[in-house]
Amino acid sequence: MADADDVRRVALALPHTVEIPSDGFDFRVADKGFIWSYPERVPGKPRVIRLDIAVLFVGDEAEKQALLLGEPDLFFTTPGYAGLPLVLVRLSAVGLDRLTELVTDAWRMRAPETLLDDLDDAGLPAVATDAGAGG
C-alpha cells in the first residue's frame, strides 16, 4: 500500500525531477508532468485534490487500455481523461515496488533522450519503455 509520501520519495529520487507547488503533488521532468495528484471534479462542486489517487502518464492509448483492462483494481479513468495517455492509480492498491516501476516508467517516457543516461547512472530500476514516447 502506497501513499502520497511514497510517490514523493520515488519521484524525487529520479534525476532532474522538479516538484511543482500544488495542493497535492505534481512532478515533472523537462517541464513535462509524469505523475500528479488527482484533481477530482464533481459538477456543481469545487475541485478536490485527492492525495489517495495519482494521475500517471502512460505514453499512449494502447498502454492505457492494457493497464485498465489488466489491473482494474489498481487503474481506472474518468471521462475527463478520455483520449489522453493518462490513467488514475489507486495508491492504496499499489505496492512500493510496483509504484517505483510505474513512476520510473512514466519518467522515462517524458524525459528527453539526453537525460535518460542520468537515470541509468543513478542505479534506479530499468523499465522497458519506448523512450521516444510522450514528446
N, C-alpha and C. Protein backbone atom coordinates (compact mmCIF):
# COMPACT_ATOMS: atom_id res chain seq x y z
N MET A 1 0.84 -1.19 0.00
CA MET A 1 0.00 0.00 0.00
C MET A 1 0.89 1.25 0.00
N ALA A 2 0.68 2.12 -0.95
CA ALA A 2 1.47 3.34 -1.07
C ALA A 2 0.62 4.55 -0.70
N ASP A 3 1.30 5.67 -0.51
CA ASP A 3 0.59 6.92 -0.24
C ASP A 3 1.34 8.07 -0.92
N ALA A 4 0.86 9.27 -0.70
CA ALA A 4 1.45 10.44 -1.35
C ALA A 4 2.91 10.63 -0.97
N ASP A 5 3.28 10.30 0.26
CA ASP A 5 4.69 10.41 0.67
C ASP A 5 5.56 9.45 -0.12
N ASP A 6 5.05 8.25 -0.40
CA ASP A 6 5.80 7.29 -1.22
C ASP A 6 5.97 7.82 -2.64
N VAL A 7 4.91 8.39 -3.20
CA VAL A 7 5.01 8.98 -4.54
C VAL A 7 6.10 10.04 -4.55
N ARG A 8 6.09 10.88 -3.55
CA ARG A 8 7.07 11.96 -3.46
C ARG A 8 8.49 11.40 -3.38
N ARG A 9 8.72 10.41 -2.53
CA ARG A 9 10.06 9.82 -2.38
C ARG A 9 10.54 9.20 -3.70
N VAL A 10 9.67 8.44 -4.33
CA VAL A 10 10.04 7.77 -5.58
C VAL A 10 10.32 8.79 -6.68
N ALA A 11 9.43 9.76 -6.85
CA ALA A 11 9.59 10.75 -7.92
C ALA A 11 10.85 11.59 -7.71
N LEU A 12 11.08 12.04 -6.49
CA LEU A 12 12.23 12.90 -6.24
C LEU A 12 13.56 12.15 -6.30
N ALA A 13 13.52 10.81 -6.25
CA ALA A 13 14.74 10.02 -6.41
C ALA A 13 15.20 9.96 -7.86
N LEU A 14 14.31 10.34 -8.77
CA LEU A 14 14.64 10.32 -10.20
C LEU A 14 15.35 11.61 -10.58
N PRO A 15 16.40 11.52 -11.38
CA PRO A 15 17.17 12.72 -11.71
C PRO A 15 16.35 13.75 -12.49
N HIS A 16 16.69 15.01 -12.22
CA HIS A 16 16.09 16.15 -12.94
C HIS A 16 14.59 16.32 -12.67
N THR A 17 14.08 15.66 -11.63
CA THR A 17 12.67 15.80 -11.28
C THR A 17 12.46 17.09 -10.50
N VAL A 18 11.39 17.79 -10.85
CA VAL A 18 11.01 19.02 -10.16
C VAL A 18 9.61 18.82 -9.61
N GLU A 19 9.41 19.21 -8.35
CA GLU A 19 8.06 19.20 -7.79
C GLU A 19 7.48 20.60 -7.94
N ILE A 20 6.32 20.66 -8.59
CA ILE A 20 5.63 21.92 -8.80
C ILE A 20 4.75 22.19 -7.58
N PRO A 21 4.80 23.39 -7.03
CA PRO A 21 3.94 23.70 -5.89
C PRO A 21 2.46 23.47 -6.23
N SER A 22 1.78 22.74 -5.37
CA SER A 22 0.35 22.47 -5.57
C SER A 22 -0.26 22.08 -4.24
N ASP A 23 -1.56 21.89 -4.24
CA ASP A 23 -2.23 21.44 -3.02
C ASP A 23 -1.98 19.96 -2.74
N GLY A 24 -1.46 19.25 -3.73
CA GLY A 24 -1.16 17.84 -3.59
C GLY A 24 0.29 17.60 -3.97
N PHE A 25 0.51 16.76 -4.98
CA PHE A 25 1.84 16.54 -5.52
C PHE A 25 1.78 16.66 -7.03
N ASP A 26 2.87 17.10 -7.62
CA ASP A 26 2.93 17.33 -9.06
C ASP A 26 4.39 17.29 -9.46
N PHE A 27 4.79 16.23 -10.19
CA PHE A 27 6.19 16.02 -10.54
C PHE A 27 6.40 16.08 -12.04
N ARG A 28 7.49 16.74 -12.43
CA ARG A 28 7.80 16.95 -13.84
C ARG A 28 9.27 16.71 -14.10
N VAL A 29 9.55 16.36 -15.34
CA VAL A 29 10.91 16.28 -15.85
C VAL A 29 10.90 17.04 -17.16
N ALA A 30 11.85 17.95 -17.32
CA ALA A 30 11.92 18.78 -18.53
C ALA A 30 10.58 19.46 -18.82
N ASP A 31 9.95 19.97 -17.77
CA ASP A 31 8.66 20.67 -17.86
C ASP A 31 7.50 19.80 -18.33
N LYS A 32 7.64 18.49 -18.24
CA LYS A 32 6.56 17.57 -18.63
C LYS A 32 6.14 16.76 -17.42
N GLY A 33 4.83 16.82 -17.10
CA GLY A 33 4.32 16.08 -15.96
C GLY A 33 4.35 14.58 -16.19
N PHE A 34 4.72 13.83 -15.14
CA PHE A 34 4.67 12.38 -15.26
C PHE A 34 3.85 11.73 -14.16
N ILE A 35 3.64 12.39 -13.04
CA ILE A 35 2.70 11.91 -12.02
C ILE A 35 2.28 13.10 -11.16
N TRP A 36 0.97 13.16 -10.85
CA TRP A 36 0.45 14.23 -10.01
C TRP A 36 -0.81 13.74 -9.31
N SER A 37 -1.21 14.48 -8.27
CA SER A 37 -2.41 14.11 -7.52
C SER A 37 -3.65 14.43 -8.35
N TYR A 38 -4.66 13.60 -8.17
CA TYR A 38 -5.88 13.68 -8.96
C TYR A 38 -6.75 14.86 -8.54
N PRO A 39 -7.02 15.79 -9.45
CA PRO A 39 -7.93 16.89 -9.15
C PRO A 39 -9.37 16.47 -9.48
N GLU A 40 -10.04 15.87 -8.52
CA GLU A 40 -11.39 15.36 -8.75
C GLU A 40 -12.37 16.51 -8.95
N ARG A 41 -13.14 16.38 -10.00
CA ARG A 41 -14.14 17.40 -10.31
C ARG A 41 -15.53 16.76 -10.31
N VAL A 42 -16.39 17.29 -9.48
CA VAL A 42 -17.79 16.85 -9.43
C VAL A 42 -18.61 18.06 -9.86
N PRO A 43 -19.47 17.89 -10.87
CA PRO A 43 -20.27 19.04 -11.33
C PRO A 43 -20.99 19.75 -10.19
N GLY A 44 -20.87 21.07 -10.20
CA GLY A 44 -21.55 21.89 -9.18
C GLY A 44 -20.80 22.00 -7.87
N LYS A 45 -19.62 21.37 -7.78
CA LYS A 45 -18.83 21.42 -6.53
C LYS A 45 -17.41 21.85 -6.85
N PRO A 46 -16.72 22.41 -5.85
CA PRO A 46 -15.33 22.80 -6.09
C PRO A 46 -14.44 21.57 -6.32
N ARG A 47 -13.38 21.77 -7.06
CA ARG A 47 -12.40 20.72 -7.31
C ARG A 47 -11.77 20.28 -5.98
N VAL A 48 -11.54 18.98 -5.84
CA VAL A 48 -10.93 18.42 -4.64
C VAL A 48 -9.65 17.68 -5.07
N ILE A 49 -8.53 18.05 -4.46
CA ILE A 49 -7.27 17.36 -4.76
C ILE A 49 -7.22 16.09 -3.93
N ARG A 50 -7.16 14.96 -4.63
CA ARG A 50 -7.14 13.65 -3.98
C ARG A 50 -5.70 13.17 -3.82
N LEU A 51 -5.25 13.01 -2.61
CA LEU A 51 -3.89 12.52 -2.35
C LEU A 51 -3.82 11.00 -2.38
N ASP A 52 -4.97 10.34 -2.42
CA ASP A 52 -5.00 8.88 -2.45
C ASP A 52 -5.07 8.33 -3.87
N ILE A 53 -5.14 9.23 -4.86
CA ILE A 53 -5.21 8.83 -6.26
C ILE A 53 -4.19 9.65 -7.04
N ALA A 54 -3.40 8.97 -7.86
CA ALA A 54 -2.40 9.65 -8.68
C ALA A 54 -2.81 9.58 -10.15
N VAL A 55 -2.51 10.64 -10.88
CA VAL A 55 -2.64 10.65 -12.34
C VAL A 55 -1.26 10.31 -12.88
N LEU A 56 -1.20 9.28 -13.71
CA LEU A 56 0.07 8.76 -14.20
C LEU A 56 0.12 8.81 -15.71
N PHE A 57 1.21 9.36 -16.27
CA PHE A 57 1.42 9.38 -17.71
C PHE A 57 1.81 7.98 -18.16
N VAL A 58 1.14 7.46 -19.20
CA VAL A 58 1.41 6.10 -19.66
C VAL A 58 1.87 6.01 -21.12
N GLY A 59 1.96 7.12 -21.81
CA GLY A 59 2.53 7.10 -23.15
C GLY A 59 1.56 7.07 -24.30
N ASP A 60 0.65 6.11 -24.31
CA ASP A 60 -0.29 6.04 -25.43
C ASP A 60 -1.55 5.29 -25.03
N GLU A 61 -2.52 5.30 -25.94
CA GLU A 61 -3.83 4.70 -25.67
C GLU A 61 -3.74 3.19 -25.50
N ALA A 62 -2.85 2.54 -26.23
CA ALA A 62 -2.71 1.08 -26.12
C ALA A 62 -2.24 0.69 -24.72
N GLU A 63 -1.25 1.40 -24.20
CA GLU A 63 -0.77 1.11 -22.85
C GLU A 63 -1.84 1.43 -21.82
N LYS A 64 -2.56 2.52 -22.03
CA LYS A 64 -3.64 2.89 -21.12
C LYS A 64 -4.68 1.77 -21.05
N GLN A 65 -5.12 1.29 -22.20
CA GLN A 65 -6.13 0.24 -22.23
C GLN A 65 -5.62 -1.06 -21.62
N ALA A 66 -4.36 -1.38 -21.87
CA ALA A 66 -3.77 -2.60 -21.29
C ALA A 66 -3.79 -2.53 -19.77
N LEU A 67 -3.44 -1.39 -19.21
CA LEU A 67 -3.45 -1.24 -17.76
C LEU A 67 -4.88 -1.29 -17.20
N LEU A 68 -5.78 -0.56 -17.85
CA LEU A 68 -7.17 -0.52 -17.38
C LEU A 68 -7.82 -1.90 -17.41
N LEU A 69 -7.57 -2.65 -18.48
CA LEU A 69 -8.17 -3.98 -18.62
C LEU A 69 -7.45 -5.02 -17.78
N GLY A 70 -6.14 -4.88 -17.67
CA GLY A 70 -5.34 -5.89 -16.98
C GLY A 70 -5.37 -5.79 -15.47
N GLU A 71 -5.52 -4.58 -14.94
CA GLU A 71 -5.49 -4.39 -13.49
C GLU A 71 -6.56 -3.38 -13.07
N PRO A 72 -7.83 -3.74 -13.23
CA PRO A 72 -8.90 -2.78 -12.94
C PRO A 72 -9.02 -2.40 -11.46
N ASP A 73 -8.46 -3.20 -10.56
CA ASP A 73 -8.48 -2.83 -9.15
C ASP A 73 -7.47 -1.73 -8.83
N LEU A 74 -6.47 -1.60 -9.69
CA LEU A 74 -5.41 -0.63 -9.48
C LEU A 74 -5.60 0.64 -10.32
N PHE A 75 -6.00 0.46 -11.58
CA PHE A 75 -6.10 1.58 -12.52
C PHE A 75 -7.54 1.83 -12.93
N PHE A 76 -7.86 3.11 -13.14
CA PHE A 76 -9.17 3.48 -13.68
C PHE A 76 -9.02 4.80 -14.41
N THR A 77 -10.10 5.25 -15.01
CA THR A 77 -10.09 6.53 -15.70
C THR A 77 -11.45 7.19 -15.50
N THR A 78 -11.56 8.41 -15.98
CA THR A 78 -12.82 9.15 -15.93
C THR A 78 -13.03 9.78 -17.31
N PRO A 79 -14.24 10.23 -17.61
CA PRO A 79 -14.49 10.84 -18.91
C PRO A 79 -13.57 12.02 -19.22
N GLY A 80 -13.15 12.75 -18.20
CA GLY A 80 -12.26 13.89 -18.41
C GLY A 80 -10.89 13.52 -18.95
N TYR A 81 -10.51 12.24 -18.85
CA TYR A 81 -9.21 11.77 -19.34
C TYR A 81 -9.34 10.97 -20.63
N ALA A 82 -10.52 10.98 -21.22
CA ALA A 82 -10.73 10.25 -22.48
C ALA A 82 -9.79 10.79 -23.55
N GLY A 83 -9.14 9.88 -24.24
CA GLY A 83 -8.24 10.26 -25.31
C GLY A 83 -6.88 10.75 -24.87
N LEU A 84 -6.63 10.81 -23.58
CA LEU A 84 -5.34 11.25 -23.05
C LEU A 84 -4.54 10.05 -22.56
N PRO A 85 -3.22 10.08 -22.69
CA PRO A 85 -2.39 8.95 -22.28
C PRO A 85 -2.13 8.96 -20.77
N LEU A 86 -3.21 8.96 -20.00
CA LEU A 86 -3.15 9.06 -18.55
C LEU A 86 -4.09 8.04 -17.93
N VAL A 87 -3.66 7.46 -16.81
CA VAL A 87 -4.53 6.61 -16.01
C VAL A 87 -4.53 7.13 -14.58
N LEU A 88 -5.55 6.77 -13.85
CA LEU A 88 -5.63 7.08 -12.44
C LEU A 88 -5.23 5.83 -11.66
N VAL A 89 -4.41 6.03 -10.64
CA VAL A 89 -3.87 4.92 -9.85
C VAL A 89 -4.37 5.04 -8.42
N ARG A 90 -4.99 3.97 -7.94
CA ARG A 90 -5.42 3.92 -6.53
C ARG A 90 -4.17 3.59 -5.71
N LEU A 91 -3.65 4.58 -4.99
CA LEU A 91 -2.41 4.38 -4.26
C LEU A 91 -2.54 3.31 -3.19
N SER A 92 -3.72 3.17 -2.60
CA SER A 92 -3.91 2.16 -1.55
C SER A 92 -3.83 0.73 -2.11
N ALA A 93 -3.90 0.59 -3.43
CA ALA A 93 -3.88 -0.73 -4.05
C ALA A 93 -2.53 -1.10 -4.66
N VAL A 94 -1.56 -0.19 -4.59
CA VAL A 94 -0.28 -0.44 -5.24
C VAL A 94 0.83 -0.58 -4.19
N GLY A 95 1.69 -1.57 -4.41
CA GLY A 95 2.84 -1.75 -3.54
C GLY A 95 3.97 -0.82 -3.94
N LEU A 96 4.95 -0.67 -3.07
CA LEU A 96 6.04 0.26 -3.33
C LEU A 96 6.88 -0.15 -4.54
N ASP A 97 7.12 -1.43 -4.73
CA ASP A 97 7.90 -1.87 -5.90
C ASP A 97 7.17 -1.54 -7.19
N ARG A 98 5.89 -1.81 -7.24
CA ARG A 98 5.10 -1.53 -8.44
C ARG A 98 5.01 -0.02 -8.67
N LEU A 99 4.82 0.75 -7.60
CA LEU A 99 4.78 2.21 -7.71
C LEU A 99 6.10 2.72 -8.29
N THR A 100 7.20 2.21 -7.81
CA THR A 100 8.52 2.62 -8.31
C THR A 100 8.64 2.31 -9.80
N GLU A 101 8.18 1.14 -10.20
CA GLU A 101 8.21 0.77 -11.61
C GLU A 101 7.36 1.72 -12.46
N LEU A 102 6.15 2.00 -12.00
CA LEU A 102 5.24 2.86 -12.75
C LEU A 102 5.76 4.29 -12.88
N VAL A 103 6.25 4.84 -11.79
CA VAL A 103 6.74 6.21 -11.79
C VAL A 103 8.01 6.33 -12.63
N THR A 104 8.89 5.36 -12.49
CA THR A 104 10.13 5.37 -13.28
C THR A 104 9.82 5.24 -14.76
N ASP A 105 8.87 4.38 -15.10
CA ASP A 105 8.47 4.21 -16.49
C ASP A 105 7.90 5.52 -17.05
N ALA A 106 7.04 6.18 -16.27
CA ALA A 106 6.46 7.46 -16.70
C ALA A 106 7.56 8.51 -16.89
N TRP A 107 8.52 8.55 -15.96
CA TRP A 107 9.63 9.49 -16.08
C TRP A 107 10.39 9.25 -17.38
N ARG A 108 10.68 7.98 -17.67
CA ARG A 108 11.43 7.64 -18.89
C ARG A 108 10.70 8.09 -20.15
N MET A 109 9.38 7.97 -20.15
CA MET A 109 8.62 8.37 -21.33
C MET A 109 8.56 9.88 -21.51
N ARG A 110 8.66 10.63 -20.44
CA ARG A 110 8.56 12.08 -20.51
C ARG A 110 9.92 12.78 -20.64
N ALA A 111 10.98 12.14 -20.18
CA ALA A 111 12.30 12.77 -20.21
C ALA A 111 12.87 12.78 -21.62
N PRO A 112 13.57 13.85 -21.97
CA PRO A 112 14.25 13.86 -23.26
C PRO A 112 15.37 12.81 -23.28
N GLU A 113 15.70 12.32 -24.46
CA GLU A 113 16.73 11.29 -24.57
C GLU A 113 18.04 11.69 -23.92
N THR A 114 18.35 12.98 -23.91
CA THR A 114 19.60 13.45 -23.33
C THR A 114 19.67 13.22 -21.82
N LEU A 115 18.55 12.99 -21.17
CA LEU A 115 18.53 12.76 -19.72
C LEU A 115 18.46 11.29 -19.34
N LEU A 116 18.18 10.41 -20.28
CA LEU A 116 17.95 9.00 -19.95
C LEU A 116 19.17 8.33 -19.35
N ASP A 117 20.36 8.68 -19.80
CA ASP A 117 21.57 8.09 -19.22
C ASP A 117 21.72 8.45 -17.75
N ASP A 118 21.23 9.62 -17.35
CA ASP A 118 21.30 10.03 -15.96
C ASP A 118 20.48 9.10 -15.07
N LEU A 119 19.38 8.60 -15.58
CA LEU A 119 18.58 7.64 -14.82
C LEU A 119 19.35 6.34 -14.66
N ASP A 120 19.95 5.87 -15.75
CA ASP A 120 20.73 4.63 -15.67
C ASP A 120 21.91 4.80 -14.72
N ASP A 121 22.55 5.96 -14.74
CA ASP A 121 23.68 6.23 -13.86
C ASP A 121 23.26 6.30 -12.40
N ALA A 122 22.00 6.63 -12.13
CA ALA A 122 21.52 6.75 -10.76
C ALA A 122 21.30 5.38 -10.11
N GLY A 123 21.37 4.31 -10.91
CA GLY A 123 21.20 2.97 -10.35
C GLY A 123 19.77 2.63 -10.01
N LEU A 124 18.83 3.32 -10.61
CA LEU A 124 17.42 3.05 -10.36
C LEU A 124 16.96 1.92 -11.26
N PRO A 125 15.80 1.33 -10.98
CA PRO A 125 15.33 0.21 -11.78
C PRO A 125 15.12 0.59 -13.23
N ALA A 126 15.59 -0.25 -14.10
CA ALA A 126 15.37 -0.06 -15.55
C ALA A 126 14.03 -0.67 -15.89
N VAL A 127 13.20 0.08 -16.60
CA VAL A 127 11.88 -0.38 -17.00
C VAL A 127 11.80 -0.28 -18.51
N ALA A 128 11.35 -1.33 -19.14
CA ALA A 128 11.25 -1.33 -20.62
C ALA A 128 10.19 -0.35 -21.07
N THR A 129 10.60 0.63 -21.87
CA THR A 129 9.66 1.61 -22.40
C THR A 129 10.12 2.03 -23.78
N ASP A 130 9.26 2.77 -24.42
CA ASP A 130 9.63 3.43 -25.66
C ASP A 130 10.10 4.82 -25.28
N ALA A 131 11.40 5.00 -25.22
CA ALA A 131 11.97 6.26 -24.73
C ALA A 131 11.53 7.46 -25.54
N GLY A 132 11.14 7.26 -26.77
CA GLY A 132 10.73 8.38 -27.60
C GLY A 132 9.29 8.80 -27.40
N ALA A 133 8.52 8.06 -26.63
CA ALA A 133 7.10 8.37 -26.46
C ALA A 133 6.94 9.59 -25.59
N GLY A 134 5.81 10.23 -25.74
CA GLY A 134 5.42 11.32 -24.86
C GLY A 134 6.04 12.65 -25.17
N GLY A 135 6.69 12.81 -26.29
CA GLY A 135 7.38 14.05 -26.65
C GLY A 135 6.50 15.17 -26.75
